[in-house]
Amino acid sequence: MWKENRYLSGMRKVLDKKMAAELLKDGRTYVPDLYSQKKGRTFAAYLCLDTEDGRASFRLEFPKKKREKRK
């Protein structure tokens, strides 16, 4: 994992020590304030680390929203 990561730089984030430690330990970390170039606003998601053939790849998982019960 590199501090300067193209996947994260597109969302205006830099991989810090806390994020790297959680990714290596748990395979995912919660990241607030990711930037969406398409929508022009920020969002929050879990950044997940996957490895294939010795190469690291990232993906996003979005937290499930709580639905309100309608009356």
N, C-alpha and C. Protein backbone atom coordinates (compact mmCIF):
# COMPACT_ATOMS: atom_id res chain seq x y z
N MET A 1 0.84 -1.17 0.00
CA MET A 1 0.00 0.00 0.00
C MET A 1 0.89 1.23 0.00
N TRP A 2 0.51 2.18 -0.81
CA TRP A 2 1.27 3.42 -0.94
C TRP A 2 0.47 4.57 -0.37
N LYS A 3 1.18 5.52 0.21
CA LYS A 3 0.53 6.72 0.73
C LYS A 3 -0.15 7.49 -0.39
N GLU A 4 0.54 7.64 -1.51
CA GLU A 4 -0.03 8.29 -2.70
C GLU A 4 -0.73 7.21 -3.52
N ASN A 5 -2.02 7.11 -3.39
CA ASN A 5 -2.78 6.07 -4.05
C ASN A 5 -3.73 6.70 -5.07
N ARG A 6 -3.69 6.24 -6.29
CA ARG A 6 -4.51 6.84 -7.36
C ARG A 6 -6.00 6.68 -7.07
N TYR A 7 -6.41 5.55 -6.53
CA TYR A 7 -7.82 5.31 -6.22
C TYR A 7 -8.32 6.33 -5.20
N LEU A 8 -7.55 6.54 -4.15
CA LEU A 8 -7.96 7.47 -3.10
C LEU A 8 -7.77 8.93 -3.52
N SER A 9 -6.75 9.22 -4.30
CA SER A 9 -6.52 10.61 -4.70
C SER A 9 -7.66 11.12 -5.57
N GLY A 10 -8.31 10.23 -6.31
CA GLY A 10 -9.48 10.64 -7.09
C GLY A 10 -10.65 11.07 -6.22
N MET A 11 -10.62 10.62 -4.96
CA MET A 11 -11.67 11.00 -4.01
C MET A 11 -11.14 11.98 -2.97
N ARG A 12 -9.98 12.60 -3.30
CA ARG A 12 -9.34 13.61 -2.46
C ARG A 12 -9.02 13.13 -1.05
N LYS A 13 -8.48 11.92 -0.96
CA LYS A 13 -8.06 11.35 0.33
C LYS A 13 -6.64 10.84 0.20
N VAL A 14 -5.92 10.84 1.32
CA VAL A 14 -4.57 10.29 1.40
C VAL A 14 -4.60 9.19 2.45
N LEU A 15 -3.96 8.09 2.16
CA LEU A 15 -3.90 6.97 3.09
C LEU A 15 -3.03 7.35 4.28
N ASP A 16 -3.63 7.40 5.48
CA ASP A 16 -2.86 7.74 6.67
C ASP A 16 -2.54 6.47 7.46
N LYS A 17 -1.79 6.63 8.55
CA LYS A 17 -1.36 5.47 9.35
C LYS A 17 -2.53 4.71 9.94
N LYS A 18 -3.52 5.43 10.45
CA LYS A 18 -4.68 4.80 11.08
C LYS A 18 -5.45 3.97 10.05
N MET A 19 -5.68 4.54 8.88
CA MET A 19 -6.40 3.82 7.83
C MET A 19 -5.63 2.58 7.40
N ALA A 20 -4.32 2.71 7.21
CA ALA A 20 -3.49 1.58 6.78
C ALA A 20 -3.51 0.47 7.82
N ALA A 21 -3.42 0.83 9.11
CA ALA A 21 -3.43 -0.18 10.17
C ALA A 21 -4.76 -0.93 10.20
N GLU A 22 -5.87 -0.22 10.07
CA GLU A 22 -7.19 -0.87 10.07
C GLU A 22 -7.37 -1.75 8.84
N LEU A 23 -6.89 -1.29 7.69
CA LEU A 23 -6.99 -2.10 6.47
C LEU A 23 -6.20 -3.40 6.61
N LEU A 24 -5.01 -3.32 7.16
CA LEU A 24 -4.18 -4.52 7.31
C LEU A 24 -4.74 -5.46 8.37
N LYS A 25 -5.31 -4.91 9.44
CA LYS A 25 -5.83 -5.72 10.53
C LYS A 25 -7.20 -6.31 10.20
N ASP A 26 -8.14 -5.45 9.77
CA ASP A 26 -9.53 -5.86 9.58
C ASP A 26 -9.94 -6.03 8.13
N GLY A 27 -9.16 -5.48 7.21
CA GLY A 27 -9.52 -5.55 5.80
C GLY A 27 -10.45 -4.44 5.36
N ARG A 28 -10.82 -3.54 6.29
CA ARG A 28 -11.66 -2.40 5.92
C ARG A 28 -11.55 -1.31 6.97
N THR A 29 -11.87 -0.08 6.55
CA THR A 29 -11.84 1.07 7.44
C THR A 29 -12.92 2.05 7.00
N TYR A 30 -13.51 2.74 7.96
CA TYR A 30 -14.54 3.73 7.66
C TYR A 30 -13.87 5.04 7.28
N VAL A 31 -14.28 5.62 6.16
CA VAL A 31 -13.68 6.86 5.67
C VAL A 31 -14.78 7.90 5.43
N PRO A 32 -14.84 8.93 6.25
CA PRO A 32 -15.79 10.01 6.00
C PRO A 32 -15.20 11.00 5.00
N ASP A 33 -16.02 11.81 4.42
CA ASP A 33 -15.59 12.91 3.54
C ASP A 33 -14.83 12.48 2.29
N LEU A 34 -15.26 11.39 1.68
CA LEU A 34 -14.74 11.05 0.35
C LEU A 34 -15.44 11.95 -0.65
N TYR A 35 -14.76 12.34 -1.69
CA TYR A 35 -15.32 13.29 -2.66
C TYR A 35 -15.76 12.57 -3.92
N SER A 36 -16.97 12.85 -4.36
CA SER A 36 -17.49 12.29 -5.61
C SER A 36 -17.33 13.33 -6.71
N GLN A 37 -16.49 13.04 -7.69
CA GLN A 37 -16.30 13.96 -8.81
C GLN A 37 -17.56 14.05 -9.66
N LYS A 38 -18.27 12.95 -9.76
CA LYS A 38 -19.48 12.90 -10.58
C LYS A 38 -20.58 13.78 -10.01
N LYS A 39 -20.79 13.72 -8.69
CA LYS A 39 -21.86 14.48 -8.06
C LYS A 39 -21.40 15.80 -7.46
N GLY A 40 -20.09 15.97 -7.28
CA GLY A 40 -19.55 17.21 -6.75
C GLY A 40 -19.82 17.42 -5.27
N ARG A 41 -19.93 16.33 -4.52
CA ARG A 41 -20.15 16.44 -3.08
C ARG A 41 -19.44 15.30 -2.36
N THR A 42 -19.44 15.37 -1.03
CA THR A 42 -18.75 14.35 -0.25
C THR A 42 -19.72 13.28 0.23
N PHE A 43 -19.14 12.12 0.57
CA PHE A 43 -19.91 11.00 1.09
C PHE A 43 -19.02 10.18 2.00
N ALA A 44 -19.61 9.26 2.72
CA ALA A 44 -18.86 8.38 3.63
C ALA A 44 -19.08 6.93 3.21
N ALA A 45 -18.04 6.12 3.37
CA ALA A 45 -18.13 4.70 3.01
C ALA A 45 -17.01 3.93 3.70
N TYR A 46 -17.13 2.62 3.67
CA TYR A 46 -16.05 1.75 4.14
C TYR A 46 -15.13 1.47 2.97
N LEU A 47 -13.84 1.65 3.18
CA LEU A 47 -12.83 1.31 2.19
C LEU A 47 -12.36 -0.10 2.51
N CYS A 48 -12.49 -1.01 1.55
CA CYS A 48 -12.12 -2.41 1.77
C CYS A 48 -10.90 -2.77 0.93
N LEU A 49 -10.03 -3.57 1.51
CA LEU A 49 -8.80 -4.00 0.86
C LEU A 49 -8.95 -5.45 0.43
N ASP A 50 -8.72 -5.72 -0.84
CA ASP A 50 -8.71 -7.07 -1.38
C ASP A 50 -7.34 -7.31 -2.00
N THR A 51 -6.89 -8.55 -1.99
CA THR A 51 -5.62 -8.88 -2.64
C THR A 51 -5.83 -10.04 -3.61
N GLU A 52 -5.27 -9.88 -4.80
CA GLU A 52 -5.29 -10.93 -5.81
C GLU A 52 -3.91 -11.03 -6.42
N ASP A 53 -3.35 -12.21 -6.45
CA ASP A 53 -2.03 -12.45 -7.03
C ASP A 53 -0.98 -11.50 -6.45
N GLY A 54 -1.08 -11.21 -5.15
CA GLY A 54 -0.10 -10.35 -4.51
C GLY A 54 -0.30 -8.87 -4.74
N ARG A 55 -1.37 -8.49 -5.41
CA ARG A 55 -1.64 -7.08 -5.69
C ARG A 55 -2.82 -6.61 -4.87
N ALA A 56 -2.71 -5.42 -4.32
CA ALA A 56 -3.79 -4.86 -3.52
C ALA A 56 -4.78 -4.13 -4.42
N SER A 57 -6.05 -4.27 -4.09
CA SER A 57 -7.08 -3.50 -4.78
C SER A 57 -8.09 -3.02 -3.74
N PHE A 58 -8.73 -1.93 -4.03
CA PHE A 58 -9.68 -1.33 -3.11
C PHE A 58 -11.08 -1.35 -3.70
N ARG A 59 -12.06 -1.36 -2.80
CA ARG A 59 -13.46 -1.21 -3.20
C ARG A 59 -14.18 -0.50 -2.07
N LEU A 60 -15.34 0.04 -2.37
CA LEU A 60 -16.12 0.75 -1.37
C LEU A 60 -17.35 -0.05 -0.99
N GLU A 61 -17.69 -0.01 0.29
CA GLU A 61 -18.94 -0.57 0.79
C GLU A 61 -19.67 0.57 1.49
N PHE A 62 -20.94 0.70 1.19
CA PHE A 62 -21.71 1.78 1.78
C PHE A 62 -22.50 1.27 2.97
N PRO A 63 -22.53 2.07 4.06
CA PRO A 63 -23.29 1.64 5.24
C PRO A 63 -24.77 1.54 4.91
N LYS A 64 -25.41 0.57 5.53
CA LYS A 64 -26.84 0.40 5.30
C LYS A 64 -27.59 1.50 6.05
N LYS A 65 -28.52 2.10 5.36
CA LYS A 65 -29.32 3.16 5.96
C LYS A 65 -30.45 2.56 6.77
N LYS A 66 -30.72 3.19 7.89
CA LYS A 66 -31.85 2.75 8.70
C LYS A 66 -33.12 3.31 8.10
N ARG A 67 -34.09 2.45 7.90
CA ARG A 67 -35.35 2.88 7.34
C ARG A 67 -36.33 3.21 8.45
N GLU A 68 -37.05 4.27 8.26
CA GLU A 68 -38.07 4.64 9.24
C GLU A 68 -39.34 3.90 8.92
N LYS A 69 -40.03 3.48 9.96
CA LYS A 69 -41.31 2.80 9.76
C LYS A 69 -42.39 3.83 9.45
N ARG A 70 -43.17 3.54 8.45
CA ARG A 70 -44.25 4.44 8.08
C ARG A 70 -45.54 4.00 8.74
N LYS A 71 -46.34 4.96 9.11
CA LYS A 71 -47.63 4.66 9.74
C LYS A 71 -48.75 4.86 8.78
